[in-house]
């Protein structure tokens, strides 16, 4: 878990353990997007297209939850433990959560 580099304050994700899983999911979603594009080009039935869009949105949401959990368990908990910018990082977390609900 590497939330930041104290030397240059470059931010890093705390999702390294799930990186392959996330990238694999993104590749599947990319394939779904191409499939939806093809469906529209082929003028497929609206409900079929909407169902595929809904499935893609759910897949993105699942990946977002993985990253959000890793961030909370990693960067946020570290900031609280270290009492270092904890208010700022919690506000940032809440902003992210608000965008999902």
N, C-alpha and C. Protein backbone atom coordinates (compact mmCIF):
# COMPACT_ATOMS: atom_id res chain seq x y z
N UNK A 1 0.85 -1.17 0.00
CA UNK A 1 0.00 0.00 0.00
C UNK A 1 0.90 1.23 0.00
N UNK A 2 0.75 2.06 -1.01
CA UNK A 2 1.55 3.27 -1.12
C UNK A 2 0.64 4.41 -1.50
N UNK A 3 0.24 5.21 -0.51
CA UNK A 3 -0.70 6.29 -0.77
C UNK A 3 -0.02 7.53 -1.32
N UNK A 4 1.19 7.76 -0.93
CA UNK A 4 1.92 8.91 -1.45
C UNK A 4 3.40 8.75 -1.18
N UNK A 5 4.14 9.56 -1.85
CA UNK A 5 5.59 9.57 -1.68
C UNK A 5 5.93 10.86 -0.95
N UNK A 6 6.43 10.76 0.28
CA UNK A 6 6.71 11.96 1.07
C UNK A 6 7.72 12.89 0.43
N UNK A 7 8.58 12.39 -0.43
CA UNK A 7 9.61 13.23 -1.03
C UNK A 7 9.06 14.22 -2.04
N UNK A 8 8.15 13.76 -2.89
CA UNK A 8 7.64 14.66 -3.92
C UNK A 8 6.12 14.78 -3.91
N UNK A 9 5.46 14.19 -2.95
CA UNK A 9 4.01 14.25 -2.79
C UNK A 9 3.24 13.72 -4.00
N UNK A 10 3.88 12.85 -4.77
CA UNK A 10 3.18 12.22 -5.88
C UNK A 10 2.21 11.20 -5.32
N UNK A 11 0.97 11.24 -5.77
CA UNK A 11 -0.05 10.34 -5.25
C UNK A 11 -0.01 9.00 -5.98
N UNK A 12 -0.26 7.94 -5.25
CA UNK A 12 -0.30 6.59 -5.79
C UNK A 12 -1.55 5.91 -5.26
N UNK A 13 -2.05 4.93 -5.98
CA UNK A 13 -3.21 4.18 -5.53
C UNK A 13 -2.83 3.13 -4.52
N UNK A 14 -3.81 2.75 -3.72
CA UNK A 14 -3.59 1.69 -2.73
C UNK A 14 -4.21 0.38 -3.20
N UNK A 15 -4.39 0.23 -4.50
CA UNK A 15 -5.06 -0.94 -5.06
C UNK A 15 -4.10 -1.91 -5.74
N UNK A 16 -2.82 -1.84 -5.41
CA UNK A 16 -1.83 -2.69 -6.08
C UNK A 16 -2.20 -4.18 -6.01
N UNK A 17 -2.72 -4.63 -4.87
CA UNK A 17 -3.06 -6.05 -4.73
C UNK A 17 -4.17 -6.47 -5.69
N UNK A 18 -5.02 -5.53 -6.09
CA UNK A 18 -6.14 -5.83 -6.99
C UNK A 18 -5.92 -5.30 -8.41
N UNK A 19 -4.72 -4.84 -8.70
CA UNK A 19 -4.45 -4.20 -9.99
C UNK A 19 -4.80 -5.12 -11.17
N UNK A 20 -4.37 -6.37 -11.14
CA UNK A 20 -4.65 -7.29 -12.24
C UNK A 20 -6.16 -7.50 -12.38
N UNK A 21 -6.83 -7.69 -11.29
CA UNK A 21 -8.29 -7.89 -11.30
C UNK A 21 -9.00 -6.67 -11.89
N UNK A 22 -8.55 -5.48 -11.51
CA UNK A 22 -9.15 -4.25 -12.02
C UNK A 22 -8.88 -4.12 -13.51
N UNK A 23 -7.64 -4.34 -13.92
CA UNK A 23 -7.31 -4.23 -15.35
C UNK A 23 -8.07 -5.26 -16.18
N UNK A 24 -8.19 -6.48 -15.67
CA UNK A 24 -8.96 -7.50 -16.38
C UNK A 24 -10.42 -7.06 -16.53
N UNK A 25 -10.98 -6.51 -15.47
CA UNK A 25 -12.36 -6.02 -15.52
C UNK A 25 -12.52 -4.88 -16.51
N UNK A 26 -11.56 -3.97 -16.54
CA UNK A 26 -11.61 -2.86 -17.49
C UNK A 26 -11.53 -3.35 -18.92
N UNK A 27 -10.73 -4.38 -19.16
CA UNK A 27 -10.64 -4.94 -20.51
C UNK A 27 -11.96 -5.58 -20.92
N UNK A 28 -12.64 -6.25 -19.98
CA UNK A 28 -13.95 -6.84 -20.28
C UNK A 28 -14.95 -5.74 -20.59
N UNK A 29 -14.92 -4.67 -19.80
CA UNK A 29 -15.84 -3.55 -20.03
C UNK A 29 -15.56 -2.89 -21.38
N UNK A 30 -14.29 -2.76 -21.71
CA UNK A 30 -13.92 -2.21 -23.02
C UNK A 30 -14.53 -3.06 -24.13
N UNK A 31 -14.50 -4.37 -23.97
CA UNK A 31 -15.12 -5.26 -24.95
C UNK A 31 -16.63 -5.07 -24.99
N UNK A 32 -17.24 -4.89 -23.82
CA UNK A 32 -18.67 -4.63 -23.77
C UNK A 32 -19.01 -3.34 -24.51
N UNK A 33 -18.20 -2.31 -24.33
CA UNK A 33 -18.45 -1.03 -25.01
C UNK A 33 -18.38 -1.19 -26.53
N UNK A 34 -17.41 -1.94 -27.00
CA UNK A 34 -17.31 -2.20 -28.44
C UNK A 34 -18.54 -2.97 -28.92
N UNK A 35 -19.00 -3.91 -28.10
CA UNK A 35 -20.20 -4.68 -28.44
C UNK A 35 -21.43 -3.79 -28.51
N UNK A 36 -21.56 -2.86 -27.58
CA UNK A 36 -22.69 -1.93 -27.60
C UNK A 36 -22.62 -1.04 -28.84
N UNK A 37 -21.43 -0.59 -29.15
CA UNK A 37 -21.25 0.24 -30.34
C UNK A 37 -21.69 -0.53 -31.60
N UNK A 38 -21.29 -1.79 -31.67
CA UNK A 38 -21.69 -2.64 -32.80
C UNK A 38 -23.21 -2.81 -32.85
N UNK A 39 -23.81 -2.99 -31.66
CA UNK A 39 -25.26 -3.15 -31.60
C UNK A 39 -25.96 -1.92 -32.17
N UNK A 40 -25.48 -0.75 -31.83
CA UNK A 40 -26.08 0.49 -32.33
C UNK A 40 -25.86 0.59 -33.84
N UNK A 41 -24.66 0.29 -34.30
CA UNK A 41 -24.38 0.32 -35.73
C UNK A 41 -25.31 -0.62 -36.49
N UNK A 42 -25.63 -1.76 -35.87
CA UNK A 42 -26.50 -2.76 -36.50
C UNK A 42 -27.98 -2.47 -36.24
N UNK A 43 -28.25 -1.37 -35.52
CA UNK A 43 -29.62 -0.96 -35.20
C UNK A 43 -30.40 -2.05 -34.46
N UNK A 44 -29.74 -2.63 -33.47
CA UNK A 44 -30.38 -3.67 -32.65
C UNK A 44 -31.50 -3.07 -31.81
N UNK A 45 -32.33 -3.92 -31.29
CA UNK A 45 -33.49 -3.53 -30.49
C UNK A 45 -33.05 -2.70 -29.28
N UNK A 46 -33.76 -1.60 -29.03
CA UNK A 46 -33.41 -0.64 -27.97
C UNK A 46 -33.21 -1.31 -26.61
N UNK A 47 -34.10 -2.19 -26.24
CA UNK A 47 -34.03 -2.82 -24.92
C UNK A 47 -32.77 -3.66 -24.79
N UNK A 48 -32.37 -4.32 -25.87
CA UNK A 48 -31.14 -5.11 -25.84
C UNK A 48 -29.92 -4.21 -25.61
N UNK A 49 -29.91 -3.06 -26.29
CA UNK A 49 -28.81 -2.11 -26.11
C UNK A 49 -28.81 -1.58 -24.67
N UNK A 50 -29.97 -1.20 -24.18
CA UNK A 50 -30.07 -0.68 -22.81
C UNK A 50 -29.64 -1.72 -21.78
N UNK A 51 -29.98 -2.98 -22.02
CA UNK A 51 -29.55 -4.05 -21.10
C UNK A 51 -28.04 -4.17 -21.07
N UNK A 52 -27.41 -4.04 -22.22
CA UNK A 52 -25.94 -4.11 -22.26
C UNK A 52 -25.30 -2.89 -21.59
N UNK A 53 -25.91 -1.72 -21.76
CA UNK A 53 -25.41 -0.53 -21.08
C UNK A 53 -25.53 -0.70 -19.57
N UNK A 54 -26.66 -1.23 -19.11
CA UNK A 54 -26.85 -1.46 -17.67
C UNK A 54 -25.82 -2.45 -17.14
N UNK A 55 -25.54 -3.49 -17.90
CA UNK A 55 -24.54 -4.49 -17.47
C UNK A 55 -23.16 -3.85 -17.37
N UNK A 56 -22.84 -2.98 -18.32
CA UNK A 56 -21.55 -2.30 -18.29
C UNK A 56 -21.45 -1.36 -17.10
N UNK A 57 -22.52 -0.64 -16.83
CA UNK A 57 -22.52 0.26 -15.66
C UNK A 57 -22.32 -0.51 -14.37
N UNK A 58 -22.95 -1.67 -14.26
CA UNK A 58 -22.79 -2.49 -13.06
C UNK A 58 -21.36 -3.00 -12.93
N UNK A 59 -20.78 -3.38 -14.05
CA UNK A 59 -19.39 -3.86 -14.02
C UNK A 59 -18.45 -2.74 -13.58
N UNK A 60 -18.67 -1.53 -14.08
CA UNK A 60 -17.86 -0.38 -13.64
C UNK A 60 -18.06 -0.10 -12.15
N UNK A 61 -19.30 -0.21 -11.70
CA UNK A 61 -19.59 0.02 -10.28
C UNK A 61 -18.87 -0.99 -9.40
N UNK A 62 -18.84 -2.25 -9.85
CA UNK A 62 -18.13 -3.28 -9.07
C UNK A 62 -16.64 -2.96 -8.96
N UNK A 63 -16.05 -2.49 -10.06
CA UNK A 63 -14.64 -2.12 -10.02
C UNK A 63 -14.42 -0.91 -9.12
N UNK A 64 -15.33 0.04 -9.18
CA UNK A 64 -15.22 1.22 -8.34
C UNK A 64 -15.27 0.85 -6.86
N UNK A 65 -16.11 -0.10 -6.51
CA UNK A 65 -16.20 -0.53 -5.11
C UNK A 65 -14.88 -1.17 -4.66
N UNK A 66 -14.26 -1.94 -5.53
CA UNK A 66 -12.96 -2.55 -5.20
C UNK A 66 -11.94 -1.46 -4.91
N UNK A 67 -11.86 -0.47 -5.80
CA UNK A 67 -10.89 0.61 -5.63
C UNK A 67 -11.24 1.45 -4.41
N UNK A 68 -12.52 1.72 -4.20
CA UNK A 68 -12.95 2.50 -3.02
C UNK A 68 -12.61 1.78 -1.73
N UNK A 69 -12.82 0.48 -1.69
CA UNK A 69 -12.48 -0.29 -0.49
C UNK A 69 -10.97 -0.27 -0.25
N UNK A 70 -10.21 -0.49 -1.31
CA UNK A 70 -8.75 -0.46 -1.16
C UNK A 70 -8.28 0.92 -0.68
N UNK A 71 -8.87 1.97 -1.23
CA UNK A 71 -8.50 3.33 -0.83
C UNK A 71 -8.84 3.57 0.65
N UNK A 72 -10.02 3.13 1.06
CA UNK A 72 -10.45 3.32 2.44
C UNK A 72 -9.57 2.53 3.40
N UNK A 73 -9.30 1.27 3.06
CA UNK A 73 -8.49 0.42 3.92
C UNK A 73 -7.02 0.81 3.88
N UNK A 74 -6.59 1.45 2.79
CA UNK A 74 -5.20 1.83 2.64
C UNK A 74 -4.96 3.28 3.01
N UNK A 75 -5.18 4.17 2.07
CA UNK A 75 -4.83 5.59 2.24
C UNK A 75 -5.59 6.26 3.38
N UNK A 76 -6.90 6.02 3.44
CA UNK A 76 -7.70 6.70 4.47
C UNK A 76 -7.32 6.21 5.86
N UNK A 77 -7.25 4.89 6.03
CA UNK A 77 -6.91 4.38 7.37
C UNK A 77 -5.49 4.78 7.77
N UNK A 78 -4.58 4.85 6.80
CA UNK A 78 -3.21 5.29 7.10
C UNK A 78 -3.20 6.75 7.57
N UNK A 79 -3.95 7.59 6.89
CA UNK A 79 -4.01 9.00 7.26
C UNK A 79 -4.59 9.17 8.66
N UNK A 80 -5.60 8.39 8.99
CA UNK A 80 -6.20 8.47 10.32
C UNK A 80 -5.23 7.96 11.37
N UNK A 81 -4.58 6.82 11.09
CA UNK A 81 -3.60 6.27 12.04
C UNK A 81 -2.46 7.24 12.28
N UNK A 82 -1.96 7.83 11.20
CA UNK A 82 -0.82 8.74 11.30
C UNK A 82 -1.22 10.15 11.75
N UNK A 83 -2.54 10.37 11.85
CA UNK A 83 -3.06 11.71 12.17
C UNK A 83 -2.41 12.74 11.26
N UNK A 84 -2.42 12.43 9.97
CA UNK A 84 -1.76 13.24 8.96
C UNK A 84 -2.77 13.55 7.85
N UNK A 85 -3.25 14.78 7.81
CA UNK A 85 -4.23 15.21 6.79
C UNK A 85 -5.50 14.39 6.83
N UNK A 86 -5.86 13.82 7.99
CA UNK A 86 -7.02 12.93 8.04
C UNK A 86 -8.31 13.63 7.65
N UNK A 87 -8.48 14.89 8.04
CA UNK A 87 -9.71 15.60 7.67
C UNK A 87 -9.80 15.81 6.16
N UNK A 88 -8.68 16.16 5.56
CA UNK A 88 -8.65 16.39 4.11
C UNK A 88 -8.96 15.09 3.37
N UNK A 89 -8.35 14.02 3.79
CA UNK A 89 -8.53 12.75 3.07
C UNK A 89 -9.93 12.19 3.29
N UNK A 90 -10.52 12.42 4.46
CA UNK A 90 -11.90 11.97 4.71
C UNK A 90 -12.87 12.81 3.88
N UNK A 91 -12.64 14.11 3.78
CA UNK A 91 -13.48 14.95 2.92
C UNK A 91 -13.39 14.50 1.47
N UNK A 92 -12.18 14.18 1.04
CA UNK A 92 -11.99 13.69 -0.32
C UNK A 92 -12.77 12.39 -0.54
N UNK A 93 -12.69 11.48 0.42
CA UNK A 93 -13.41 10.21 0.35
C UNK A 93 -14.91 10.46 0.27
N UNK A 94 -15.42 11.34 1.11
CA UNK A 94 -16.85 11.63 1.10
C UNK A 94 -17.29 12.23 -0.23
N UNK A 95 -16.44 13.06 -0.83
CA UNK A 95 -16.76 13.61 -2.15
C UNK A 95 -16.90 12.51 -3.19
N UNK A 96 -16.01 11.54 -3.12
CA UNK A 96 -16.06 10.42 -4.06
C UNK A 96 -17.33 9.61 -3.83
N UNK A 97 -17.65 9.31 -2.58
CA UNK A 97 -18.85 8.53 -2.26
C UNK A 97 -20.10 9.26 -2.74
N UNK A 98 -20.16 10.57 -2.55
CA UNK A 98 -21.32 11.35 -2.98
C UNK A 98 -21.52 11.26 -4.49
N UNK A 99 -20.44 11.16 -5.25
CA UNK A 99 -20.60 11.04 -6.71
C UNK A 99 -21.18 9.70 -7.12
N UNK A 100 -21.09 8.72 -6.24
CA UNK A 100 -21.63 7.38 -6.56
C UNK A 100 -23.06 7.18 -6.11
N UNK A 101 -23.57 8.07 -5.27
CA UNK A 101 -24.96 7.89 -4.80
C UNK A 101 -25.85 9.01 -5.30
